[in-house]
Amino acid sequence: FQSAGIGTWVEPPVLADLYTMVWRYMNAPVVTVAALFILFAALIKFIVGLRNRTINWNNRNIVLVIWFFVPYFFMFLVSYKIPMFLDRYTVFISVGFYLLFAAALSYLFSGRNLLLIVMSAFILMMAVTFHPRVDNKRHIHEMVGFISGNKGPHTSVIICPPWLEYGFAYYYNPGMFRNYAQLRPLLNQDGVYPVNNIFSLDTTKLLNTDKVFLFEDWISLTDPGQTLFSYLNRAFEFKGTTIFYKNIKVHQYIKKTRP
């Protein structure tokens, strides 16, 4: 509800996301289409059996159907109001999907040897399409390297929104990151200030600052009035912006020279 109130970086879903989410569960389009075909075929067989009254209800399969479909479509629909339809948020649903898929295979292929062949084929397809090193499109390490390489003794770093401090600290100073209970004070001692807007920043700490880096990603979530930009543009001289990926930006300011 807080995200819905102040805004979130997560976009509302589109209808195609119902397919692409399963795609993430199955690694590749060809495996995804084959899996959806299996589920559809199992549904058709179930409907035919239900119509001919030759079907026996299986409570375990009913649990699996509810486990996958109910939260899957519920989260999809709610995401139009409060965006949350992301793979890492639906990961608990994926377990129900895998079990339901296995149950569908078992339901369609009664022969043990044929079932083992089909199951092995899907396992093999998922194995060869698995890529553990997927670019998360954040590139925080590059941004931190840029700031660290250009940070001097009288340099301040402002982070907005403040929750970006964790990703920053992970690459900036692993020792600080490990000491999470004191992370904010340790960052402040080193001239790094995670803030929501100018009203949560003690500007007196910038009096002896020669250079300021503003690291921001969706700064409009906590500073829609652009109070940080207004202050920095008045107090310092803007030197430029470096973009690392889409919304990850570092704005550089230097101390104004007296005329």
C-alpha atoms as a PDB file:
ATOM      1  CA  PHE A   1       0.000   0.000   0.000  1.00  0.00           C
ATOM      2  CA  GLN A   2       2.937   2.338   0.640  1.00  0.00           C
ATOM      3  CA  SER A   3       4.247   1.621  -2.861  1.00  0.00           C
ATOM      4  CA  ALA A   4       0.842   2.374  -4.307  1.00  0.00           C
ATOM      5  CA  GLY A   5       0.744   5.641  -2.397  1.00  0.00           C
ATOM      6  CA  ILE A   6       4.150   7.060  -3.342  1.00  0.00           C
ATOM      7  CA  GLY A   7       4.623   5.237  -6.639  1.00  0.00           C
ATOM      8  CA  THR A   8       6.802   2.322  -7.663  1.00  0.00           C
ATOM      9  CA  TRP A   9       9.278   1.524 -10.393  1.00  0.00           C
ATOM     10  CA  VAL A  10       7.299  -1.613 -11.285  1.00  0.00           C
ATOM     11  CA  GLU A  11       5.153  -1.124 -14.378  1.00  0.00           C
ATOM     12  CA  PRO A  12       1.530  -2.335 -14.535  1.00  0.00           C
ATOM     13  CA  PRO A  13       1.288  -5.628 -16.437  1.00  0.00           C
ATOM     14  CA  VAL A  14       0.087  -6.234 -19.971  1.00  0.00           C
ATOM     15  CA  LEU A  15      -1.799  -9.294 -21.151  1.00  0.00           C
ATOM     16  CA  ALA A  16       1.353 -10.801 -22.690  1.00  0.00           C
ATOM     17  CA  ASP A  17       2.912 -10.967 -19.205  1.00  0.00           C
ATOM     18  CA  LEU A  18       0.755 -14.013 -18.462  1.00  0.00           C
ATOM     19  CA  TYR A  19       2.871 -15.833 -21.032  1.00  0.00           C
ATOM     20  CA  THR A  20       6.245 -14.205 -20.365  1.00  0.00           C
ATOM     21  CA  MET A  21       6.048 -15.076 -16.676  1.00  0.00           C
ATOM     22  CA  VAL A  22       5.737 -18.778 -17.522  1.00  0.00           C
ATOM     23  CA  TRP A  23       8.571 -18.217 -19.993  1.00  0.00           C
ATOM     24  CA  ARG A  24      10.772 -17.168 -17.061  1.00  0.00           C
ATOM     25  CA  TYR A  25       9.808 -20.345 -15.219  1.00  0.00           C
ATOM     26  CA  MET A  26      10.746 -22.516 -18.217  1.00  0.00           C
ATOM     27  CA  ASN A  27      13.846 -20.608 -19.468  1.00  0.00           C
ATOM     28  CA  ALA A  28      13.075 -20.486 -23.215  1.00  0.00           C
ATOM     29  CA  PRO A  29      10.083 -19.949 -25.558  1.00  0.00           C
ATOM     30  CA  VAL A  30      10.203 -23.416 -27.117  1.00  0.00           C
ATOM     31  CA  VAL A  31      10.115 -25.098 -23.707  1.00  0.00           C
ATOM     32  CA  THR A  32       7.365 -22.733 -22.566  1.00  0.00           C
ATOM     33  CA  VAL A  33       5.125 -23.434 -25.547  1.00  0.00           C
ATOM     34  CA  ALA A  34       5.634 -27.192 -25.127  1.00  0.00           C
ATOM     35  CA  ALA A  35       4.764 -26.967 -21.419  1.00  0.00           C
ATOM     36  CA  LEU A  36       1.625 -24.919 -22.061  1.00  0.00           C
ATOM     37  CA  PHE A  37       0.591 -27.428 -24.723  1.00  0.00           C
ATOM     38  CA  ILE A  38       0.939 -30.236 -22.167  1.00  0.00           C
ATOM     39  CA  LEU A  39      -1.234 -28.362 -19.670  1.00  0.00           C
ATOM     40  CA  PHE A  40      -3.827 -27.614 -22.354  1.00  0.00           C
ATOM     41  CA  ALA A  41      -3.886 -31.250 -23.488  1.00  0.00           C
ATOM     42  CA  ALA A  42      -4.333 -32.402 -19.895  1.00  0.00           C
ATOM     43  CA  LEU A  43      -7.225 -29.944 -19.497  1.00  0.00           C
ATOM     44  CA  ILE A  44      -8.917 -31.259 -22.659  1.00  0.00           C
ATOM     45  CA  LYS A  45      -8.520 -34.853 -21.492  1.00  0.00           C
ATOM     46  CA  PHE A  46      -9.955 -33.879 -18.104  1.00  0.00           C
ATOM     47  CA  ILE A  47     -12.984 -32.145 -19.677  1.00  0.00           C
ATOM     48  CA  VAL A  48     -13.653 -35.139 -21.930  1.00  0.00           C
ATOM     49  CA  GLY A  49     -13.376 -37.497 -18.975  1.00  0.00           C
ATOM     50  CA  LEU A  50     -15.659 -35.262 -16.941  1.00  0.00           C
ATOM     51  CA  ARG A  51     -18.213 -35.238 -19.734  1.00  0.00           C
ATOM     52  CA  ASN A  52     -18.069 -39.022 -20.114  1.00  0.00           C
ATOM     53  CA  ARG A  53     -18.104 -39.441 -16.338  1.00  0.00           C
ATOM     54  CA  THR A  54     -14.923 -41.475 -16.428  1.00  0.00           C
ATOM     55  CA  ILE A  55     -12.857 -39.050 -14.367  1.00  0.00           C
ATOM     56  CA  ASN A  56     -11.884 -39.513 -10.752  1.00  0.00           C
ATOM     57  CA  TRP A  57     -11.247 -36.392  -8.682  1.00  0.00           C
ATOM     58  CA  ASN A  58      -7.759 -36.186  -7.245  1.00  0.00           C
ATOM     59  CA  ASN A  59      -7.493 -33.851  -4.276  1.00  0.00           C
ATOM     60  CA  ARG A  60      -3.748 -33.482  -4.729  1.00  0.00           C
ATOM     61  CA  ASN A  61      -4.184 -32.230  -8.285  1.00  0.00           C
ATOM     62  CA  ILE A  62      -6.922 -29.847  -7.158  1.00  0.00           C
ATOM     63  CA  VAL A  63      -4.474 -28.358  -4.637  1.00  0.00           C
ATOM     64  CA  LEU A  64      -1.903 -27.904  -7.403  1.00  0.00           C
ATOM     65  CA  VAL A  65      -4.427 -26.196  -9.686  1.00  0.00           C
ATOM     66  CA  ILE A  66      -5.390 -23.788  -6.900  1.00  0.00           C
ATOM     67  CA  TRP A  67      -1.749 -23.278  -5.896  1.00  0.00           C
ATOM     68  CA  PHE A  68      -0.802 -22.095  -9.367  1.00  0.00           C
ATOM     69  CA  PHE A  69      -3.836 -20.481 -10.988  1.00  0.00           C
ATOM     70  CA  VAL A  70      -5.412 -18.616  -8.065  1.00  0.00           C
ATOM     71  CA  PRO A  71      -2.375 -16.550  -6.907  1.00  0.00           C
ATOM     72  CA  TYR A  72      -1.098 -16.270 -10.493  1.00  0.00           C
ATOM     73  CA  PHE A  73      -4.185 -14.543 -11.849  1.00  0.00           C
ATOM     74  CA  PHE A  74      -4.891 -12.754  -8.564  1.00  0.00           C
ATOM     75  CA  MET A  75      -1.469 -11.083  -8.539  1.00  0.00           C
ATOM     76  CA  PHE A  76      -1.820 -10.286 -12.236  1.00  0.00           C
ATOM     77  CA  LEU A  77      -5.147  -8.513 -11.713  1.00  0.00           C
ATOM     78  CA  VAL A  78      -4.052  -6.712  -8.532  1.00  0.00           C
ATOM     79  CA  SER A  79      -0.977  -5.463 -10.384  1.00  0.00           C
ATOM     80  CA  TYR A  80      -3.142  -3.108 -12.417  1.00  0.00           C
ATOM     81  CA  LYS A  81      -3.697  -1.231  -9.148  1.00  0.00           C
ATOM     82  CA  ILE A  82      -0.519  -2.110  -7.208  1.00  0.00           C
ATOM     83  CA  PRO A  83       2.149  -3.423  -9.626  1.00  0.00           C
ATOM     84  CA  MET A  84       3.669  -6.623  -8.228  1.00  0.00           C
ATOM     85  CA  PHE A  85       3.677  -9.102 -11.115  1.00  0.00           C
ATOM     86  CA  LEU A  86       7.432  -9.828 -11.087  1.00  0.00           C
ATOM     87  CA  ASP A  87       9.175 -13.193 -11.260  1.00  0.00           C
ATOM     88  CA  ARG A  88      10.848 -12.780  -7.873  1.00  0.00           C
ATOM     89  CA  TYR A  89       7.490 -11.937  -6.289  1.00  0.00           C
ATOM     90  CA  THR A  90       5.742 -14.918  -7.903  1.00  0.00           C
ATOM     91  CA  VAL A  91       8.501 -17.427  -7.177  1.00  0.00           C
ATOM     92  CA  PHE A  92       6.289 -19.310  -4.699  1.00  0.00           C
ATOM     93  CA  ILE A  93       3.818 -19.864  -7.537  1.00  0.00           C
ATOM     94  CA  SER A  94       6.495 -21.456  -9.711  1.00  0.00           C
ATOM     95  CA  VAL A  95       6.725 -24.432  -7.345  1.00  0.00           C
ATOM     96  CA  GLY A  96       3.020 -25.091  -7.832  1.00  0.00           C
ATOM     97  CA  PHE A  97       3.476 -24.715 -11.577  1.00  0.00           C
ATOM     98  CA  TYR A  98       6.283 -27.298 -11.739  1.00  0.00           C
ATOM     99  CA  LEU A  99       4.322 -29.790  -9.659  1.00  0.00           C
ATOM    100  CA  LEU A 100       1.173 -29.188 -11.711  1.00  0.00           C
ATOM    101  CA  PHE A 101       3.162 -29.671 -14.908  1.00  0.00           C
ATOM    102  CA  ALA A 102       4.568 -32.963 -13.605  1.00  0.00           C
ATOM    103  CA  ALA A 103       1.056 -34.069 -12.638  1.00  0.00           C
ATOM    104  CA  ALA A 104      -0.188 -33.194 -16.149  1.00  0.00           C
ATOM    105  CA  LEU A 105       2.553 -35.300 -17.717  1.00  0.00           C
ATOM    106  CA  SER A 106       1.699 -38.213 -15.461  1.00  0.00           C
ATOM    107  CA  TYR A 107      -1.979 -37.783 -16.326  1.00  0.00           C
ATOM    108  CA  LEU A 108      -1.375 -37.761 -20.084  1.00  0.00           C
ATOM    109  CA  PHE A 109       1.222 -40.523 -20.342  1.00  0.00           C
ATOM    110  CA  SER A 110       0.194 -43.650 -18.493  1.00  0.00           C
ATOM    111  CA  GLY A 111       3.060 -45.806 -19.770  1.00  0.00           C
ATOM    112  CA  ARG A 112       6.060 -45.657 -17.424  1.00  0.00           C
ATOM    113  CA  ASN A 113       8.717 -45.750 -20.151  1.00  0.00           C
ATOM    114  CA  LEU A 114       7.018 -43.098 -22.280  1.00  0.00           C
ATOM    115  CA  LEU A 115       6.505 -40.898 -19.223  1.00  0.00           C
ATOM    116  CA  LEU A 116      10.193 -41.150 -18.312  1.00  0.00           C
ATOM    117  CA  ILE A 117      11.210 -40.248 -21.863  1.00  0.00           C
ATOM    118  CA  VAL A 118       8.973 -37.171 -21.983  1.00  0.00           C
ATOM    119  CA  MET A 119       9.993 -36.011 -18.508  1.00  0.00           C
ATOM    120  CA  SER A 120      13.672 -36.504 -19.328  1.00  0.00           C
ATOM    121  CA  ALA A 121      13.235 -34.514 -22.538  1.00  0.00           C
ATOM    122  CA  PHE A 122      11.803 -31.546 -20.644  1.00  0.00           C
ATOM    123  CA  ILE A 123      14.511 -31.722 -17.993  1.00  0.00           C
ATOM    124  CA  LEU A 124      17.149 -31.770 -20.722  1.00  0.00           C
ATOM    125  CA  MET A 125      15.583 -28.815 -22.541  1.00  0.00           C
ATOM    126  CA  MET A 126      15.470 -26.782 -19.341  1.00  0.00           C
ATOM    127  CA  ALA A 127      19.055 -27.727 -18.524  1.00  0.00           C
ATOM    128  CA  VAL A 128      20.478 -26.592 -21.872  1.00  0.00           C
ATOM    129  CA  THR A 129      18.492 -23.337 -21.820  1.00  0.00           C
ATOM    130  CA  PHE A 130      19.522 -22.412 -18.273  1.00  0.00           C
ATOM    131  CA  HIS A 131      21.735 -19.322 -18.091  1.00  0.00           C
ATOM    132  CA  PRO A 132      22.732 -18.388 -14.519  1.00  0.00           C
ATOM    133  CA  ARG A 133      24.596 -15.209 -15.465  1.00  0.00           C
ATOM    134  CA  VAL A 134      21.714 -13.062 -16.654  1.00  0.00           C
ATOM    135  CA  ASP A 135      22.237  -9.310 -16.851  1.00  0.00           C
ATOM    136  CA  ASN A 136      19.944  -7.675 -14.300  1.00  0.00           C
ATOM    137  CA  LYS A 137      20.342  -4.393 -16.210  1.00  0.00           C
ATOM    138  CA  ARG A 138      21.315  -2.479 -13.095  1.00  0.00           C
ATOM    139  CA  HIS A 139      25.099  -2.106 -13.518  1.00  0.00           C
ATOM    140  CA  ILE A 140      25.510  -0.778  -9.986  1.00  0.00           C
ATOM    141  CA  HIS A 141      29.136  -1.966  -9.849  1.00  0.00           C
ATOM    142  CA  GLU A 142      30.045   0.236 -12.819  1.00  0.00           C
ATOM    143  CA  MET A 143      28.387   3.243 -11.228  1.00  0.00           C
ATOM    144  CA  VAL A 144      30.134   2.672  -7.881  1.00  0.00           C
ATOM    145  CA  GLY A 145      33.458   2.253  -9.667  1.00  0.00           C
ATOM    146  CA  PHE A 146      32.917   5.553 -11.439  1.00  0.00           C
ATOM    147  CA  ILE A 147      32.152   7.393  -8.196  1.00  0.00           C
ATOM    148  CA  SER A 148      34.966   5.725  -6.237  1.00  0.00           C
ATOM    149  CA  GLY A 149      37.467   6.558  -8.963  1.00  0.00           C
ATOM    150  CA  ASN A 150      36.501  10.226  -8.933  1.00  0.00           C
ATOM    151  CA  LYS A 151      35.836  10.683  -5.209  1.00  0.00           C
ATOM    152  CA  GLY A 152      38.271  12.869  -3.319  1.00  0.00           C
ATOM    153  CA  PRO A 153      38.660  13.825   0.366  1.00  0.00           C
ATOM    154  CA  HIS A 154      36.104  16.653   0.043  1.00  0.00           C
ATOM    155  CA  THR A 155      33.552  14.791  -2.069  1.00  0.00           C
ATOM    156  CA  SER A 156      29.992  14.035  -0.986  1.00  0.00           C
ATOM    157  CA  VAL A 157      27.705  11.399  -2.448  1.00  0.00           C
ATOM    158  CA  ILE A 158      23.933  11.778  -2.233  1.00  0.00           C
ATOM    159  CA  ILE A 159      21.814   8.679  -2.831  1.00  0.00           C
ATOM    160  CA  CYS A 160      18.154   9.011  -3.703  1.00  0.00           C
ATOM    161  CA  PRO A 161      15.907   7.114  -3.052  1.00  0.00           C
ATOM    162  CA  PRO A 162      17.628   6.026   0.174  1.00  0.00           C
ATOM    163  CA  TRP A 163      17.038   2.280  -0.250  1.00  0.00           C
ATOM    164  CA  LEU A 164      19.665   2.301  -3.009  1.00  0.00           C
ATOM    165  CA  GLU A 165      22.256   2.472  -0.229  1.00  0.00           C
ATOM    166  CA  TYR A 166      22.404  -1.332   0.033  1.00  0.00           C
ATOM    167  CA  GLY A 167      23.391  -1.936  -3.576  1.00  0.00           C
ATOM    168  CA  PHE A 168      25.797   0.986  -3.387  1.00  0.00           C
ATOM    169  CA  ALA A 169      27.453  -0.199  -0.154  1.00  0.00           C
ATOM    170  CA  TYR A 170      27.819  -3.769  -1.468  1.00  0.00           C
ATOM    171  CA  TYR A 171      30.297  -2.599  -4.113  1.00  0.00           C
ATOM    172  CA  TYR A 172      31.566   0.546  -2.400  1.00  0.00           C
ATOM    173  CA  ASN A 173      32.727  -1.014   0.856  1.00  0.00           C
ATOM    174  CA  PRO A 174      31.926  -4.677   1.663  1.00  0.00           C
ATOM    175  CA  GLY A 175      32.885  -4.061   5.293  1.00  0.00           C
ATOM    176  CA  MET A 176      30.159  -1.455   5.624  1.00  0.00           C
ATOM    177  CA  PHE A 177      27.696  -3.728   3.881  1.00  0.00           C
ATOM    178  CA  ARG A 178      28.373  -6.545   6.336  1.00  0.00           C
ATOM    179  CA  ASN A 179      27.794  -4.219   9.275  1.00  0.00           C
ATOM    180  CA  TYR A 180      24.211  -3.582   8.189  1.00  0.00           C
ATOM    181  CA  ALA A 181      23.084  -2.441  11.656  1.00  0.00           C
ATOM    182  CA  GLN A 182      25.411   0.576  11.387  1.00  0.00           C
ATOM    183  CA  LEU A 183      25.327   0.985   7.619  1.00  0.00           C
ATOM    184  CA  ARG A 184      23.763   4.442   7.496  1.00  0.00           C
ATOM    185  CA  PRO A 185      26.104   6.034  10.121  1.00  0.00           C
ATOM    186  CA  LEU A 186      29.140   4.460   8.445  1.00  0.00           C
ATOM    187  CA  LEU A 187      28.109   5.814   5.051  1.00  0.00           C
ATOM    188  CA  ASN A 188      27.504   9.262   6.541  1.00  0.00           C
ATOM    189  CA  GLN A 189      30.980   9.233   8.106  1.00  0.00           C
ATOM    190  CA  ASP A 190      32.415   8.640   4.648  1.00  0.00           C
ATOM    191  CA  GLY A 191      30.415  11.463   3.073  1.00  0.00           C
ATOM    192  CA  VAL A 192      27.642   9.304   1.621  1.00  0.00           C
ATOM    193  CA  TYR A 193      24.081  10.423   2.383  1.00  0.00           C
ATOM    194  CA  PRO A 194      21.028   8.319   1.457  1.00  0.00           C
ATOM    195  CA  VAL A 195      18.002  10.659   1.495  1.00  0.00           C
ATOM    196  CA  ASN A 196      14.408  10.988   0.313  1.00  0.00           C
ATOM    197  CA  ASN A 197      14.678  14.654  -0.646  1.00  0.00           C
ATOM    198  CA  ILE A 198      16.426  17.851   0.428  1.00  0.00           C
ATOM    199  CA  PHE A 199      14.428  17.964   3.681  1.00  0.00           C
ATOM    200  CA  SER A 200      16.055  14.729   4.893  1.00  0.00           C
ATOM    201  CA  LEU A 201      19.560  15.990   4.145  1.00  0.00           C
ATOM    202  CA  ASP A 202      21.618  18.048   6.591  1.00  0.00           C
ATOM    203  CA  THR A 203      22.990  20.560   4.091  1.00  0.00           C
ATOM    204  CA  THR A 204      25.544  21.851   6.611  1.00  0.00           C
ATOM    205  CA  LYS A 205      27.516  18.686   5.889  1.00  0.00           C
ATOM    206  CA  LEU A 206      28.078  19.991   2.356  1.00  0.00           C
ATOM    207  CA  LEU A 207      29.644  23.312   3.394  1.00  0.00           C
ATOM    208  CA  ASN A 208      33.202  22.068   2.913  1.00  0.00           C
ATOM    209  CA  THR A 209      32.380  19.939  -0.105  1.00  0.00           C
ATOM    210  CA  ASP A 210      34.242  20.551  -3.365  1.00  0.00           C
ATOM    211  CA  LYS A 211      32.386  17.932  -5.399  1.00  0.00           C
ATOM    212  CA  VAL A 212      28.976  16.271  -5.135  1.00  0.00           C
ATOM    213  CA  PHE A 213      27.742  13.124  -6.836  1.00  0.00           C
ATOM    214  CA  LEU A 214      23.982  12.569  -6.914  1.00  0.00           C
ATOM    215  CA  PHE A 215      23.275   8.889  -7.527  1.00  0.00           C
ATOM    216  CA  GLU A 216      19.611   8.450  -8.372  1.00  0.00           C
ATOM    217  CA  ASP A 217      17.299   5.858  -9.824  1.00  0.00           C
ATOM    218  CA  TRP A 218      13.632   6.896 -10.093  1.00  0.00           C
ATOM    219  CA  ILE A 219      14.244   9.899  -7.869  1.00  0.00           C
ATOM    220  CA  SER A 220      10.696  11.073  -8.598  1.00  0.00           C
ATOM    221  CA  LEU A 221       9.365   8.381  -6.248  1.00  0.00           C
ATOM    222  CA  THR A 222      10.537  10.230  -3.133  1.00  0.00           C
ATOM    223  CA  ASP A 223      11.351  13.681  -4.511  1.00  0.00           C
ATOM    224  CA  PRO A 224       8.614  14.552  -7.011  1.00  0.00           C
ATOM    225  CA  GLY A 225       9.200  18.249  -6.389  1.00  0.00           C
ATOM    226  CA  GLN A 226      12.878  17.927  -7.440  1.00  0.00           C
ATOM    227  CA  THR A 227      14.029  19.633  -4.252  1.00  0.00           C
ATOM    228  CA  LEU A 228      17.464  18.013  -4.443  1.00  0.00           C
ATOM    229  CA  PHE A 229      18.073  19.264  -7.964  1.00  0.00           C
ATOM    230  CA  SER A 230      16.884  22.760  -7.002  1.00  0.00           C
ATOM    231  CA  TYR A 231      19.255  22.948  -4.056  1.00  0.00           C
ATOM    232  CA  LEU A 232      22.274  21.517  -5.854  1.00  0.00           C
ATOM    233  CA  ASN A 233      21.779  23.790  -8.873  1.00  0.00           C
ATOM    234  CA  ARG A 234      21.749  26.815  -6.543  1.00  0.00           C
ATOM    235  CA  ALA A 235      24.623  25.800  -4.279  1.00  0.00           C
ATOM    236  CA  PHE A 236      26.942  24.124  -6.802  1.00  0.00           C
ATOM    237  CA  GLU A 237      27.904  24.201 -10.460  1.00  0.00           C
ATOM    238  CA  PHE A 238      26.467  21.391 -12.573  1.00  0.00           C
ATOM    239  CA  LYS A 239      29.131  19.522 -14.561  1.00  0.00           C
ATOM    240  CA  GLY A 240      27.211  16.734 -16.261  1.00  0.00           C
ATOM    241  CA  THR A 241      25.296  13.459 -16.012  1.00  0.00           C
ATOM    242  CA  THR A 242      26.538   9.922 -16.576  1.00  0.00           C
ATOM    243  CA  ILE A 243      23.917   7.279 -17.374  1.00  0.00           C
ATOM    244  CA  PHE A 244      24.817   3.669 -16.631  1.00  0.00           C
ATOM    245  CA  TYR A 245      21.607   1.959 -17.653  1.00  0.00           C
ATOM    246  CA  LYS A 246      18.252   3.581 -18.372  1.00  0.00           C
ATOM    247  CA  ASN A 247      17.309   5.184 -15.043  1.00  0.00           C
ATOM    248  CA  ILE A 248      20.598   4.786 -13.157  1.00  0.00           C
ATOM    249  CA  LYS A 249      22.184   8.220 -13.306  1.00  0.00           C
ATOM    250  CA  VAL A 250      25.036  10.022 -11.586  1.00  0.00           C
ATOM    251  CA  HIS A 251      24.861  13.824 -11.657  1.00  0.00           C
ATOM    252  CA  GLN A 252      28.108  15.606 -10.915  1.00  0.00           C
ATOM    253  CA  TYR A 253      28.383  19.021  -9.263  1.00  0.00           C
ATOM    254  CA  ILE A 254      31.427  21.033  -8.235  1.00  0.00           C
ATOM    255  CA  LYS A 255      31.938  23.978  -5.899  1.00  0.00           C
ATOM    256  CA  LYS A 256      31.161  27.296  -7.495  1.00  0.00           C
ATOM    257  CA  THR A 257      34.125  29.534  -8.125  1.00  0.00           C
ATOM    258  CA  ARG A 258      33.847  32.995  -6.638  1.00  0.00           C
ATOM    259  CA  PRO A 259      33.925  35.823  -9.204  1.00  0.00           C
END
